[in-house]
Amino acid sequence: MRCENIRQVSVRKMNNILKENNYTFVRQCGSHRVWRNGKVSISIPSVKLKSVVANRIIKENHLRIGG
């Protein structure tokens, strides 16, 4: 499933989305977590994400959701 309009996303759910897309946690600096897949780094806020931000991150990085 590709980017769908999702509501607020918890930190745990976004972490799972990133893990499913072969990203690994690199570090946390303040209120942001940095994830990397070998080529691309993504900085994700470590608080509940609003739907607009979550959808933008998912779309810009071509992340697949759930299966």
Protein backbone atom coordinates (compact mmCIF):
# COMPACT_ATOMS: atom_id res chain seq x y z
CA MET A 1 0.00 0.00 0.00
CA ARG A 2 1.36 3.41 -0.92
CA CYS A 3 0.86 6.74 0.79
CA GLU A 4 -2.68 7.00 1.98
CA ASN A 5 -4.21 9.83 3.91
CA ILE A 6 -3.51 8.81 7.48
CA ARG A 7 -4.37 10.64 10.66
CA GLN A 8 -1.95 11.43 13.47
CA VAL A 9 0.86 8.93 13.67
CA SER A 10 2.44 7.81 16.92
CA VAL A 11 6.19 7.63 17.25
CA ARG A 12 5.97 3.83 17.53
CA LYS A 13 3.96 3.51 14.30
CA MET A 14 6.36 5.79 12.38
CA ASN A 15 9.31 3.77 13.74
CA ASN A 16 7.66 0.58 12.46
CA ILE A 17 7.02 2.13 9.03
CA LEU A 18 10.69 3.10 8.79
CA LYS A 19 11.90 -0.35 9.91
CA GLU A 20 9.65 -2.03 7.32
CA ASN A 21 11.31 0.16 4.68
CA ASN A 22 14.84 -0.90 5.73
CA TYR A 23 15.74 2.22 7.68
CA THR A 24 17.85 1.88 10.81
CA PHE A 25 17.91 4.19 13.79
CA VAL A 26 21.15 6.19 13.88
CA ARG A 27 20.82 8.68 16.72
CA GLN A 28 18.55 11.06 18.57
CA CYS A 29 19.42 14.73 18.91
CA GLY A 30 16.98 16.66 21.08
CA SER A 31 13.44 16.05 19.91
CA HIS A 32 14.36 14.46 16.56
CA ARG A 33 15.42 10.94 15.62
CA VAL A 34 17.66 10.31 12.63
CA TRP A 35 17.06 7.20 10.51
CA ARG A 36 19.20 5.97 7.60
CA ASN A 37 18.76 3.33 4.91
CA GLY A 38 22.32 3.38 3.59
CA LYS A 39 21.77 6.23 1.13
CA VAL A 40 19.21 8.58 2.59
CA SER A 41 18.87 10.05 6.07
CA ILE A 42 15.51 11.13 7.48
CA SER A 43 15.02 13.31 10.55
CA ILE A 44 11.74 12.51 12.32
CA PRO A 45 10.31 14.40 15.30
CA SER A 46 10.09 12.14 18.35
CA VAL A 47 6.58 13.32 19.18
CA LYS A 48 3.20 12.37 17.74
CA LEU A 49 3.20 13.49 14.09
CA LYS A 50 0.34 15.44 12.57
CA SER A 51 -1.15 13.88 9.45
CA VAL A 52 0.26 16.55 7.11
CA VAL A 53 3.82 15.97 8.34
CA ALA A 54 3.49 12.16 8.35
CA ASN A 55 2.06 12.10 4.81
CA ARG A 56 4.81 14.42 3.55
CA ILE A 57 7.56 12.24 5.04
CA ILE A 58 5.98 9.08 3.64
CA LYS A 59 5.46 10.58 0.17
CA GLU A 60 8.84 12.32 -0.16
CA ASN A 61 10.75 9.20 0.84
CA HIS A 62 8.58 6.71 -1.09
CA LEU A 63 7.79 4.72 2.06
CA ARG A 64 5.42 1.79 1.86
CA ILE A 65 2.83 1.33 4.58
CA GLY A 66 1.68 -2.04 5.92
CA GLY A 67 2.40 -4.87 3.61
